[in-house]
Amino acid sequence: MFAISTNSISAEKIILIVGGMEKQIYLPVKLAERLGYLKETGLDIELLSEPSGVNAVTEMLSGAAQGVVGFYDHTIDLQARGKQVQSVVQFSQAPGEAILVSKTASAHIKSPADFKGKTLGVTGLGSSTNFLTQFLASKYGVKNSEYTTLPVGSGSTFIAAMTQKKIDAGMTTEPTISRLTSTGAASILVDLRTLKATEAALGGAYPGACLYMPTAWVNSHKEQVQKIVTAFVKTLAYIQTHSAQEIADMMPPDYYKANKQQYIDSLSASKDMFTADGIMPESGPATVLNVLNGFNKAVQGKNINLSNTYTTEFVKAARK
């Protein structure tokens, strides 16, 4: 393989699309930027935000971006559809999400078994929130034809959909969860914000947020990938060694929507969802495949090679 000069590395713009930059599950991305770790790479990295991970996938596959910060489950779903992508650094070992029930629907929805006839909000059709909602419904015997799934995005658009009674329940992330529960507008039905809660609901660690890229691009741009992964591994170490207060102090004010203490409290309660070093949890891929096999017709019956959906090569090199 020919050597790539430092000049050629820094000259190429690398676009990373985040499936909702303000979501706490994707905290390592903005934090890496704020800490100066991305700048230290010497690469021309541009971060873009999409409200839904599925939109980000479309952009990446079209060649408009080199990578997506989204959920690991997309790497399996895409392999089933003939597309080879892989996680190069794993940010979390739990989804960091929860299914909320609106105040008006709480009397009728006590578990996912009550989803029949209801309208459920997800960030986007084909998104990871959609995947997990479908799995939980099927686990409780509810077919996806028995409820309506409505893409409502995240943050303010999710809150508006719930308060305006467009959805009865829905899956979202922090800080949206705390913004709704703190006012009594919604309550938590299924909590996937911590590793312990995730293991109870899904049967094991569920690797969620990660940086995934087309395998062909990874193989042809190893120096660039290594620099990016090293920056994120340093960020994950920072998260482990600093308090939620210290981390929040590094974030832009619009990330906590005028209620910084609420942001700090929610981060403190779920900080263990982040991996310490970017390594894929050993049993995680099998858990995700099991979840997708529960409802995803694109995955069911396919011979999925999990070892091709992630690599630890760059993370291990970053720790040396």
C-alpha atoms as a PDB file:
ATOM      1  CA  MET A   1       0.000   0.000   0.000  1.00  0.00           C
ATOM      2  CA  PHE A   2       1.393   3.388  -0.953  1.00  0.00           C
ATOM      3  CA  ALA A   3       2.223   5.911   1.746  1.00  0.00           C
ATOM      4  CA  ILE A   4      -0.102   8.848   2.215  1.00  0.00           C
ATOM      5  CA  SER A   5       1.610  12.136   2.853  1.00  0.00           C
ATOM      6  CA  THR A   6       0.522  14.308   5.769  1.00  0.00           C
ATOM      7  CA  ASN A   7      -0.397  17.073   3.328  1.00  0.00           C
ATOM      8  CA  SER A   8      -2.775  14.846   1.384  1.00  0.00           C
ATOM      9  CA  ILE A   9      -4.366  13.673   4.630  1.00  0.00           C
ATOM     10  CA  SER A  10      -5.114  17.163   5.902  1.00  0.00           C
ATOM     11  CA  ALA A  11      -6.269  18.466   2.513  1.00  0.00           C
ATOM     12  CA  GLU A  12      -9.220  16.096   2.151  1.00  0.00           C
ATOM     13  CA  LYS A  13     -12.410  17.212   3.877  1.00  0.00           C
ATOM     14  CA  ILE A  14     -13.936  14.504   6.033  1.00  0.00           C
ATOM     15  CA  ILE A  15     -17.636  14.907   6.733  1.00  0.00           C
ATOM     16  CA  LEU A  16     -19.144  13.127   9.719  1.00  0.00           C
ATOM     17  CA  ILE A  17     -22.920  13.245  10.058  1.00  0.00           C
ATOM     18  CA  VAL A  18     -24.378  12.935  13.542  1.00  0.00           C
ATOM     19  CA  GLY A  19     -27.897  11.619  14.041  1.00  0.00           C
ATOM     20  CA  GLY A  20     -28.844  14.568  16.261  1.00  0.00           C
ATOM     21  CA  MET A  21     -25.781  16.421  17.569  1.00  0.00           C
ATOM     22  CA  GLU A  22     -27.532  17.742  20.691  1.00  0.00           C
ATOM     23  CA  LYS A  23     -28.494  14.272  21.958  1.00  0.00           C
ATOM     24  CA  GLN A  24     -26.616  13.192  25.065  1.00  0.00           C
ATOM     25  CA  ILE A  25     -25.969   9.781  23.521  1.00  0.00           C
ATOM     26  CA  TYR A  26     -23.740  11.529  20.965  1.00  0.00           C
ATOM     27  CA  LEU A  27     -21.999  13.701  23.561  1.00  0.00           C
ATOM     28  CA  PRO A  28     -18.471  12.454  22.659  1.00  0.00           C
ATOM     29  CA  VAL A  29     -18.657  14.132  19.242  1.00  0.00           C
ATOM     30  CA  LYS A  30     -19.268  17.716  20.316  1.00  0.00           C
ATOM     31  CA  LEU A  31     -17.105  17.229  23.404  1.00  0.00           C
ATOM     32  CA  ALA A  32     -14.168  16.099  21.219  1.00  0.00           C
ATOM     33  CA  GLU A  33     -14.579  19.277  19.213  1.00  0.00           C
ATOM     34  CA  ARG A  34     -14.851  21.490  22.309  1.00  0.00           C
ATOM     35  CA  LEU A  35     -11.776  19.898  23.891  1.00  0.00           C
ATOM     36  CA  GLY A  36      -9.764  20.541  20.729  1.00  0.00           C
ATOM     37  CA  TYR A  37      -9.110  16.855  20.122  1.00  0.00           C
ATOM     38  CA  LEU A  38     -10.549  16.889  16.599  1.00  0.00           C
ATOM     39  CA  LYS A  39      -8.445  19.919  15.684  1.00  0.00           C
ATOM     40  CA  GLU A  40      -5.351  18.141  16.986  1.00  0.00           C
ATOM     41  CA  THR A  41      -5.785  15.484  14.293  1.00  0.00           C
ATOM     42  CA  GLY A  42      -4.744  17.984  11.632  1.00  0.00           C
ATOM     43  CA  LEU A  43      -7.641  16.779   9.494  1.00  0.00           C
ATOM     44  CA  ASP A  44     -10.277  18.969   7.886  1.00  0.00           C
ATOM     45  CA  ILE A  45     -13.281  17.489   9.737  1.00  0.00           C
ATOM     46  CA  GLU A  46     -16.770  18.909   9.350  1.00  0.00           C
ATOM     47  CA  LEU A  47     -19.553  17.823  11.703  1.00  0.00           C
ATOM     48  CA  LEU A  48     -23.106  17.931  10.396  1.00  0.00           C
ATOM     49  CA  SER A  49     -26.290  17.116  12.272  1.00  0.00           C
ATOM     50  CA  GLU A  50     -29.302  15.206  10.995  1.00  0.00           C
ATOM     51  CA  PRO A  51     -32.430  14.709  13.129  1.00  0.00           C
ATOM     52  CA  SER A  52     -32.482  10.983  12.395  1.00  0.00           C
ATOM     53  CA  GLY A  53     -29.771   8.373  11.990  1.00  0.00           C
ATOM     54  CA  VAL A  54     -31.501   6.864   8.973  1.00  0.00           C
ATOM     55  CA  ASN A  55     -31.154  10.175   7.104  1.00  0.00           C
ATOM     56  CA  ALA A  56     -27.468  10.210   7.977  1.00  0.00           C
ATOM     57  CA  VAL A  57     -27.053   6.693   6.557  1.00  0.00           C
ATOM     58  CA  THR A  58     -28.562   7.793   3.257  1.00  0.00           C
ATOM     59  CA  GLU A  59     -26.114  10.692   3.044  1.00  0.00           C
ATOM     60  CA  MET A  60     -23.139   8.428   3.754  1.00  0.00           C
ATOM     61  CA  LEU A  61     -24.156   5.805   1.216  1.00  0.00           C
ATOM     62  CA  SER A  62     -24.547   8.499  -1.431  1.00  0.00           C
ATOM     63  CA  GLY A  63     -20.940   9.558  -0.836  1.00  0.00           C
ATOM     64  CA  ALA A  64     -21.870  12.903   0.716  1.00  0.00           C
ATOM     65  CA  ALA A  65     -20.181  11.902   3.991  1.00  0.00           C
ATOM     66  CA  GLN A  66     -17.358   9.619   5.060  1.00  0.00           C
ATOM     67  CA  GLY A  67     -18.917   8.500   8.312  1.00  0.00           C
ATOM     68  CA  VAL A  68     -21.959   8.536  10.549  1.00  0.00           C
ATOM     69  CA  VAL A  69     -22.190   8.910  14.288  1.00  0.00           C
ATOM     70  CA  GLY A  70     -25.226   6.778  14.887  1.00  0.00           C
ATOM     71  CA  PHE A  71     -26.250   3.394  16.257  1.00  0.00           C
ATOM     72  CA  TYR A  72     -24.256   0.226  15.692  1.00  0.00           C
ATOM     73  CA  ASP A  73     -27.414  -1.696  14.696  1.00  0.00           C
ATOM     74  CA  HIS A  74     -27.318   0.027  11.290  1.00  0.00           C
ATOM     75  CA  THR A  75     -24.118  -1.869  10.407  1.00  0.00           C
ATOM     76  CA  ILE A  76     -26.011  -5.164  10.717  1.00  0.00           C
ATOM     77  CA  ASP A  77     -29.102  -3.895   8.918  1.00  0.00           C
ATOM     78  CA  LEU A  78     -26.947  -2.550   6.075  1.00  0.00           C
ATOM     79  CA  GLN A  79     -24.959  -5.794   5.739  1.00  0.00           C
ATOM     80  CA  ALA A  80     -28.265  -7.627   5.357  1.00  0.00           C
ATOM     81  CA  ARG A  81     -29.014  -5.226   2.502  1.00  0.00           C
ATOM     82  CA  GLY A  82     -25.648  -5.821   0.817  1.00  0.00           C
ATOM     83  CA  LYS A  83     -23.806  -2.752   2.159  1.00  0.00           C
ATOM     84  CA  GLN A  84     -20.542  -3.181   4.061  1.00  0.00           C
ATOM     85  CA  VAL A  85     -19.977  -0.650   6.845  1.00  0.00           C
ATOM     86  CA  GLN A  86     -18.282  -1.022  10.216  1.00  0.00           C
ATOM     87  CA  SER A  87     -18.074   0.648  13.604  1.00  0.00           C
ATOM     88  CA  VAL A  88     -14.535   1.943  14.133  1.00  0.00           C
ATOM     89  CA  VAL A  89     -15.046   3.230  17.698  1.00  0.00           C
ATOM     90  CA  GLN A  90     -17.873   2.296  20.053  1.00  0.00           C
ATOM     91  CA  PHE A  91     -19.158   5.172  22.191  1.00  0.00           C
ATOM     92  CA  SER A  92     -21.800   3.390  24.229  1.00  0.00           C
ATOM     93  CA  GLN A  93     -22.854  -0.004  25.565  1.00  0.00           C
ATOM     94  CA  ALA A  94     -26.507   0.965  26.137  1.00  0.00           C
ATOM     95  CA  PRO A  95     -28.968   2.846  23.915  1.00  0.00           C
ATOM     96  CA  GLY A  96     -29.301   5.780  26.323  1.00  0.00           C
ATOM     97  CA  GLU A  97     -32.951   6.068  25.334  1.00  0.00           C
ATOM     98  CA  ALA A  98     -36.372   5.527  26.863  1.00  0.00           C
ATOM     99  CA  ILE A  99     -39.949   5.015  25.742  1.00  0.00           C
ATOM    100  CA  LEU A 100     -42.085   7.802  27.146  1.00  0.00           C
ATOM    101  CA  VAL A 101     -45.851   7.766  27.551  1.00  0.00           C
ATOM    102  CA  SER A 102     -47.776  11.010  27.404  1.00  0.00           C
ATOM    103  CA  LYS A 103     -49.725  12.110  30.468  1.00  0.00           C
ATOM    104  CA  THR A 104     -53.045  11.649  28.657  1.00  0.00           C
ATOM    105  CA  ALA A 105     -52.194   8.121  27.435  1.00  0.00           C
ATOM    106  CA  SER A 106     -50.628   6.863  30.670  1.00  0.00           C
ATOM    107  CA  ALA A 107     -53.920   5.442  31.947  1.00  0.00           C
ATOM    108  CA  HIS A 108     -54.132   3.142  28.903  1.00  0.00           C
ATOM    109  CA  ILE A 109     -50.460   2.225  28.315  1.00  0.00           C
ATOM    110  CA  LYS A 110     -48.872   0.267  31.145  1.00  0.00           C
ATOM    111  CA  SER A 111     -46.451  -1.818  29.053  1.00  0.00           C
ATOM    112  CA  PRO A 112     -45.564  -2.344  25.362  1.00  0.00           C
ATOM    113  CA  ALA A 113     -48.397  -4.897  25.287  1.00  0.00           C
ATOM    114  CA  ASP A 114     -50.730  -1.883  25.235  1.00  0.00           C
ATOM    115  CA  PHE A 115     -49.309  -0.434  22.003  1.00  0.00           C
ATOM    116  CA  LYS A 116     -52.193  -1.883  19.959  1.00  0.00           C
ATOM    117  CA  GLY A 117     -54.096   0.912  18.251  1.00  0.00           C
ATOM    118  CA  LYS A 118     -51.686   3.572  19.494  1.00  0.00           C
ATOM    119  CA  THR A 119     -49.460   6.064  17.656  1.00  0.00           C
ATOM    120  CA  LEU A 120     -45.789   5.772  18.593  1.00  0.00           C
ATOM    121  CA  GLY A 121     -43.179   8.429  17.915  1.00  0.00           C
ATOM    122  CA  VAL A 122     -39.695   7.634  16.593  1.00  0.00           C
ATOM    123  CA  THR A 123     -36.956   9.886  15.225  1.00  0.00           C
ATOM    124  CA  GLY A 124     -37.371   8.470  11.717  1.00  0.00           C
ATOM    125  CA  LEU A 125     -38.642   5.387   9.902  1.00  0.00           C
ATOM    126  CA  GLY A 126     -35.786   2.891   9.769  1.00  0.00           C
ATOM    127  CA  SER A 127     -34.014   4.640  12.660  1.00  0.00           C
ATOM    128  CA  SER A 128     -32.650   2.867  15.723  1.00  0.00           C
ATOM    129  CA  THR A 129     -35.514   4.244  17.827  1.00  0.00           C
ATOM    130  CA  ASN A 130     -37.817   2.590  15.298  1.00  0.00           C
ATOM    131  CA  PHE A 131     -35.851  -0.684  15.515  1.00  0.00           C
ATOM    132  CA  LEU A 132     -36.029  -0.814  19.311  1.00  0.00           C
ATOM    133  CA  THR A 133     -39.693   0.201  19.435  1.00  0.00           C
ATOM    134  CA  GLN A 134     -40.580  -2.572  16.986  1.00  0.00           C
ATOM    135  CA  PHE A 135     -38.595  -5.104  18.997  1.00  0.00           C
ATOM    136  CA  LEU A 136     -40.224  -4.186  22.312  1.00  0.00           C
ATOM    137  CA  ALA A 137     -43.679  -4.314  20.723  1.00  0.00           C
ATOM    138  CA  SER A 138     -43.018  -7.734  19.181  1.00  0.00           C
ATOM    139  CA  LYS A 139     -41.566  -8.982  22.477  1.00  0.00           C
ATOM    140  CA  TYR A 140     -44.933  -8.240  24.073  1.00  0.00           C
ATOM    141  CA  GLY A 141     -46.889  -9.863  21.241  1.00  0.00           C
ATOM    142  CA  VAL A 142     -47.862  -6.724  19.326  1.00  0.00           C
ATOM    143  CA  LYS A 143     -47.399  -6.811  15.545  1.00  0.00           C
ATOM    144  CA  ASN A 144     -46.128  -3.706  13.757  1.00  0.00           C
ATOM    145  CA  SER A 145     -49.376  -3.651  11.776  1.00  0.00           C
ATOM    146  CA  GLU A 146     -51.297  -3.140  15.011  1.00  0.00           C
ATOM    147  CA  TYR A 147     -49.902   0.308  15.819  1.00  0.00           C
ATOM    148  CA  THR A 148     -48.903   3.436  13.905  1.00  0.00           C
ATOM    149  CA  THR A 149     -45.312   4.653  13.817  1.00  0.00           C
ATOM    150  CA  LEU A 150     -44.862   8.391  13.307  1.00  0.00           C
ATOM    151  CA  PRO A 151     -41.464   9.994  12.573  1.00  0.00           C
ATOM    152  CA  VAL A 152     -41.258  13.084  14.801  1.00  0.00           C
ATOM    153  CA  GLY A 153     -37.535  13.739  15.093  1.00  0.00           C
ATOM    154  CA  SER A 154     -36.044  14.592  18.472  1.00  0.00           C
ATOM    155  CA  GLY A 155     -35.816  17.499  20.881  1.00  0.00           C
ATOM    156  CA  SER A 156     -38.408  20.207  20.383  1.00  0.00           C
ATOM    157  CA  THR A 157     -40.216  18.395  17.547  1.00  0.00           C
ATOM    158  CA  PHE A 158     -40.632  15.264  19.681  1.00  0.00           C
ATOM    159  CA  ILE A 159     -41.869  17.355  22.605  1.00  0.00           C
ATOM    160  CA  ALA A 160     -44.355  19.180  20.362  1.00  0.00           C
ATOM    161  CA  ALA A 161     -45.692  15.887  18.967  1.00  0.00           C
ATOM    162  CA  MET A 162     -46.296  14.561  22.467  1.00  0.00           C
ATOM    163  CA  THR A 163     -47.776  17.703  24.018  1.00  0.00           C
ATOM    164  CA  GLN A 164     -50.016  18.236  20.972  1.00  0.00           C
ATOM    165  CA  LYS A 165     -51.254  14.614  21.323  1.00  0.00           C
ATOM    166  CA  LYS A 166     -49.982  13.542  17.914  1.00  0.00           C
ATOM    167  CA  ILE A 167     -48.308  10.558  19.589  1.00  0.00           C
ATOM    168  CA  ASP A 168     -49.357   8.472  22.580  1.00  0.00           C
ATOM    169  CA  ALA A 169     -45.847   7.266  23.355  1.00  0.00           C
ATOM    170  CA  GLY A 170     -42.424   7.388  21.779  1.00  0.00           C
ATOM    171  CA  MET A 171     -38.745   6.652  22.096  1.00  0.00           C
ATOM    172  CA  THR A 172     -36.275   9.482  22.580  1.00  0.00           C
ATOM    173  CA  THR A 173     -33.059  10.442  24.331  1.00  0.00           C
ATOM    174  CA  GLU A 174     -31.717  12.879  26.902  1.00  0.00           C
ATOM    175  CA  PRO A 175     -32.088  15.771  27.394  1.00  0.00           C
ATOM    176  CA  THR A 176     -35.565  15.413  25.819  1.00  0.00           C
ATOM    177  CA  ILE A 177     -36.537  12.712  28.346  1.00  0.00           C
ATOM    178  CA  SER A 178     -35.865  14.947  31.333  1.00  0.00           C
ATOM    179  CA  ARG A 179     -37.506  17.962  29.708  1.00  0.00           C
ATOM    180  CA  LEU A 180     -40.778  16.022  29.397  1.00  0.00           C
ATOM    181  CA  THR A 181     -40.729  14.052  32.644  1.00  0.00           C
ATOM    182  CA  SER A 182     -39.747  17.065  34.780  1.00  0.00           C
ATOM    183  CA  THR A 183     -42.945  18.887  33.781  1.00  0.00           C
ATOM    184  CA  GLY A 184     -45.172  15.836  34.171  1.00  0.00           C
ATOM    185  CA  ALA A 185     -46.011  15.850  30.466  1.00  0.00           C
ATOM    186  CA  ALA A 186     -44.734  12.280  30.158  1.00  0.00           C
ATOM    187  CA  SER A 187     -43.529   9.311  32.183  1.00  0.00           C
ATOM    188  CA  ILE A 188     -40.988   6.584  31.447  1.00  0.00           C
ATOM    189  CA  LEU A 189     -42.380   3.236  30.292  1.00  0.00           C
ATOM    190  CA  VAL A 190     -39.161   1.439  29.267  1.00  0.00           C
ATOM    191  CA  ASP A 191     -35.811   2.790  30.408  1.00  0.00           C
ATOM    192  CA  LEU A 192     -32.713   1.980  28.325  1.00  0.00           C
ATOM    193  CA  ARG A 193     -30.461   4.729  29.657  1.00  0.00           C
ATOM    194  CA  THR A 194     -28.131   2.573  31.735  1.00  0.00           C
ATOM    195  CA  LEU A 195     -26.327  -0.716  31.177  1.00  0.00           C
ATOM    196  CA  LYS A 196     -28.235  -2.474  33.988  1.00  0.00           C
ATOM    197  CA  ALA A 197     -31.651  -1.390  32.691  1.00  0.00           C
ATOM    198  CA  THR A 198     -30.674  -2.341  29.141  1.00  0.00           C
ATOM    199  CA  GLU A 199     -29.550  -5.823  30.162  1.00  0.00           C
ATOM    200  CA  ALA A 200     -32.894  -6.350  31.893  1.00  0.00           C
ATOM    201  CA  ALA A 201     -34.953  -5.154  28.900  1.00  0.00           C
ATOM    202  CA  LEU A 202     -32.898  -6.488  25.992  1.00  0.00           C
ATOM    203  CA  GLY A 203     -31.003  -9.433  27.451  1.00  0.00           C
ATOM    204  CA  GLY A 204     -27.511  -7.965  27.381  1.00  0.00           C
ATOM    205  CA  ALA A 205     -25.350  -4.969  26.608  1.00  0.00           C
ATOM    206  CA  TYR A 206     -26.689  -3.161  23.541  1.00  0.00           C
ATOM    207  CA  PRO A 207     -23.911  -1.217  21.818  1.00  0.00           C
ATOM    208  CA  GLY A 208     -25.561   1.968  20.640  1.00  0.00           C
ATOM    209  CA  ALA A 209     -23.749   5.143  19.619  1.00  0.00           C
ATOM    210  CA  CYS A 210     -20.620   4.667  17.542  1.00  0.00           C
ATOM    211  CA  LEU A 211     -18.781   6.040  14.530  1.00  0.00           C
ATOM    212  CA  TYR A 212     -19.345   3.808  11.536  1.00  0.00           C
ATOM    213  CA  MET A 213     -17.926   4.169   8.056  1.00  0.00           C
ATOM    214  CA  PRO A 214     -17.986   2.304   4.735  1.00  0.00           C
ATOM    215  CA  THR A 215     -15.549  -0.585   5.048  1.00  0.00           C
ATOM    216  CA  ALA A 216     -13.911   0.241   1.721  1.00  0.00           C
ATOM    217  CA  TRP A 217     -13.227   3.822   2.858  1.00  0.00           C
ATOM    218  CA  VAL A 218     -11.805   2.613   6.169  1.00  0.00           C
ATOM    219  CA  ASN A 219      -9.443   0.233   4.401  1.00  0.00           C
ATOM    220  CA  SER A 220      -8.211   2.914   1.994  1.00  0.00           C
ATOM    221  CA  HIS A 221      -7.887   5.716   4.581  1.00  0.00           C
ATOM    222  CA  LYS A 222      -6.396   4.018   7.628  1.00  0.00           C
ATOM    223  CA  GLU A 223      -4.235   6.970   8.688  1.00  0.00           C
ATOM    224  CA  GLN A 224      -7.212   9.320   8.734  1.00  0.00           C
ATOM    225  CA  VAL A 225      -9.418   6.815  10.560  1.00  0.00           C
ATOM    226  CA  GLN A 226      -6.713   6.273  13.169  1.00  0.00           C
ATOM    227  CA  LYS A 227      -6.421   9.999  13.877  1.00  0.00           C
ATOM    228  CA  ILE A 228     -10.197  10.348  14.275  1.00  0.00           C
ATOM    229  CA  VAL A 229     -10.534   7.269  16.477  1.00  0.00           C
ATOM    230  CA  THR A 230      -7.643   8.401  18.690  1.00  0.00           C
ATOM    231  CA  ALA A 231      -9.407  11.739  19.247  1.00  0.00           C
ATOM    232  CA  PHE A 232     -12.600   9.980  20.302  1.00  0.00           C
ATOM    233  CA  VAL A 233     -10.801   7.504  22.576  1.00  0.00           C
ATOM    234  CA  LYS A 234      -9.218  10.480  24.368  1.00  0.00           C
ATOM    235  CA  THR A 235     -12.705  11.990  24.700  1.00  0.00           C
ATOM    236  CA  LEU A 236     -14.149   8.799  26.198  1.00  0.00           C
ATOM    237  CA  ALA A 237     -11.313   8.805  28.730  1.00  0.00           C
ATOM    238  CA  TYR A 238     -12.184  12.411  29.589  1.00  0.00           C
ATOM    239  CA  ILE A 239     -15.820  11.418  30.201  1.00  0.00           C
ATOM    240  CA  GLN A 240     -14.703   8.647  32.555  1.00  0.00           C
ATOM    241  CA  THR A 241     -12.395  10.908  34.570  1.00  0.00           C
ATOM    242  CA  HIS A 242     -14.548  14.045  34.817  1.00  0.00           C
ATOM    243  CA  SER A 243     -17.844  14.788  36.533  1.00  0.00           C
ATOM    244  CA  ALA A 244     -21.105  15.493  34.748  1.00  0.00           C
ATOM    245  CA  GLN A 245     -20.756  19.101  35.956  1.00  0.00           C
ATOM    246  CA  GLU A 246     -17.294  19.445  34.385  1.00  0.00           C
ATOM    247  CA  ILE A 247     -18.509  17.905  31.126  1.00  0.00           C
ATOM    248  CA  ALA A 248     -21.579  20.144  30.987  1.00  0.00           C
ATOM    249  CA  ASP A 249     -19.328  23.169  31.506  1.00  0.00           C
ATOM    250  CA  MET A 250     -17.651  22.278  28.205  1.00  0.00           C
ATOM    251  CA  MET A 251     -20.883  22.095  26.206  1.00  0.00           C
ATOM    252  CA  PRO A 252     -22.645  24.953  24.360  1.00  0.00           C
ATOM    253  CA  PRO A 253     -25.541  26.488  26.352  1.00  0.00           C
ATOM    254  CA  ASP A 254     -28.126  25.508  23.729  1.00  0.00           C
ATOM    255  CA  TYR A 255     -27.413  21.842  24.504  1.00  0.00           C
ATOM    256  CA  TYR A 256     -29.130  22.086  27.872  1.00  0.00           C
ATOM    257  CA  LYS A 257     -31.935  24.455  26.820  1.00  0.00           C
ATOM    258  CA  ALA A 258     -31.664  26.920  29.714  1.00  0.00           C
ATOM    259  CA  ASN A 259     -31.765  24.146  32.343  1.00  0.00           C
ATOM    260  CA  LYS A 260     -28.161  23.194  32.928  1.00  0.00           C
ATOM    261  CA  GLN A 261     -28.774  21.380  36.211  1.00  0.00           C
ATOM    262  CA  GLN A 262     -31.292  19.093  34.538  1.00  0.00           C
ATOM    263  CA  TYR A 263     -28.710  18.276  31.867  1.00  0.00           C
ATOM    264  CA  ILE A 264     -26.089  17.570  34.550  1.00  0.00           C
ATOM    265  CA  ASP A 265     -28.443  15.341  36.545  1.00  0.00           C
ATOM    266  CA  SER A 266     -29.476  13.255  33.534  1.00  0.00           C
ATOM    267  CA  LEU A 267     -25.860  12.863  32.397  1.00  0.00           C
ATOM    268  CA  SER A 268     -24.738  11.888  35.888  1.00  0.00           C
ATOM    269  CA  ALA A 269     -27.447   9.218  36.099  1.00  0.00           C
ATOM    270  CA  SER A 270     -26.620   7.614  32.744  1.00  0.00           C
ATOM    271  CA  LYS A 271     -22.896   8.285  32.250  1.00  0.00           C
ATOM    272  CA  ASP A 272     -22.161   4.558  32.539  1.00  0.00           C
ATOM    273  CA  MET A 273     -23.722   4.041  29.112  1.00  0.00           C
ATOM    274  CA  PHE A 274     -20.427   5.261  27.604  1.00  0.00           C
ATOM    275  CA  THR A 275     -17.584   2.804  27.062  1.00  0.00           C
ATOM    276  CA  ALA A 276     -14.355   3.579  28.849  1.00  0.00           C
ATOM    277  CA  ASP A 277     -12.126   3.061  25.834  1.00  0.00           C
ATOM    278  CA  GLY A 278     -14.163   2.682  22.637  1.00  0.00           C
ATOM    279  CA  ILE A 279     -13.972  -1.118  22.612  1.00  0.00           C
ATOM    280  CA  MET A 280     -17.015  -3.056  21.430  1.00  0.00           C
ATOM    281  CA  PRO A 281     -18.653  -4.947  24.349  1.00  0.00           C
ATOM    282  CA  GLU A 282     -17.869  -8.632  23.792  1.00  0.00           C
ATOM    283  CA  SER A 283     -21.452  -9.898  23.789  1.00  0.00           C
ATOM    284  CA  GLY A 284     -22.946  -6.719  22.353  1.00  0.00           C
ATOM    285  CA  PRO A 285     -23.105  -7.564  18.626  1.00  0.00           C
ATOM    286  CA  ALA A 286     -24.931 -10.847  19.318  1.00  0.00           C
ATOM    287  CA  THR A 287     -27.518  -9.018  21.454  1.00  0.00           C
ATOM    288  CA  VAL A 288     -28.146  -6.485  18.692  1.00  0.00           C
ATOM    289  CA  LEU A 289     -28.482  -9.222  16.071  1.00  0.00           C
ATOM    290  CA  ASN A 290     -30.959 -11.028  18.320  1.00  0.00           C
ATOM    291  CA  VAL A 291     -33.025  -7.857  18.646  1.00  0.00           C
ATOM    292  CA  LEU A 292     -33.053  -7.233  14.894  1.00  0.00           C
ATOM    293  CA  ASN A 293     -33.950 -10.863  14.195  1.00  0.00           C
ATOM    294  CA  GLY A 294     -37.022 -10.364  16.343  1.00  0.00           C
ATOM    295  CA  PHE A 295     -38.768  -8.144  13.784  1.00  0.00           C
ATOM    296  CA  ASN A 296     -36.484  -6.989  10.937  1.00  0.00           C
ATOM    297  CA  LYS A 297     -37.421  -8.849   7.756  1.00  0.00           C
ATOM    298  CA  ALA A 298     -34.283  -7.598   5.990  1.00  0.00           C
ATOM    299  CA  VAL A 299     -32.136  -9.362   8.618  1.00  0.00           C
ATOM    300  CA  GLN A 300     -34.236 -12.479   9.289  1.00  0.00           C
ATOM    301  CA  GLY A 301     -32.859 -15.544   7.504  1.00  0.00           C
ATOM    302  CA  LYS A 302     -29.647 -13.776   6.445  1.00  0.00           C
ATOM    303  CA  ASN A 303     -26.183 -15.069   7.294  1.00  0.00           C
ATOM    304  CA  ILE A 304     -24.754 -12.050   9.099  1.00  0.00           C
ATOM    305  CA  ASN A 305     -20.999 -11.949   9.688  1.00  0.00           C
ATOM    306  CA  LEU A 306     -20.791  -9.901  12.883  1.00  0.00           C
ATOM    307  CA  SER A 307     -16.987  -9.696  12.737  1.00  0.00           C
ATOM    308  CA  ASN A 308     -17.353  -7.522   9.626  1.00  0.00           C
ATOM    309  CA  THR A 309     -19.663  -5.021  11.348  1.00  0.00           C
ATOM    310  CA  TYR A 310     -16.990  -3.566  13.633  1.00  0.00           C
ATOM    311  CA  THR A 311     -13.239  -3.363  14.111  1.00  0.00           C
ATOM    312  CA  THR A 312     -11.145  -2.832  17.246  1.00  0.00           C
ATOM    313  CA  GLU A 313      -7.939  -2.253  15.240  1.00  0.00           C
ATOM    314  CA  PHE A 314      -7.932   1.523  15.612  1.00  0.00           C
ATOM    315  CA  VAL A 315      -9.129   1.666  19.197  1.00  0.00           C
ATOM    316  CA  LYS A 316      -6.430  -0.737  20.345  1.00  0.00           C
ATOM    317  CA  ALA A 317      -3.756   1.269  18.496  1.00  0.00           C
ATOM    318  CA  ALA A 318      -5.053   4.480  20.086  1.00  0.00           C
ATOM    319  CA  ARG A 319      -4.489   3.063  23.589  1.00  0.00           C
ATOM    320  CA  LYS A 320      -0.819   2.221  22.978  1.00  0.00           C
END
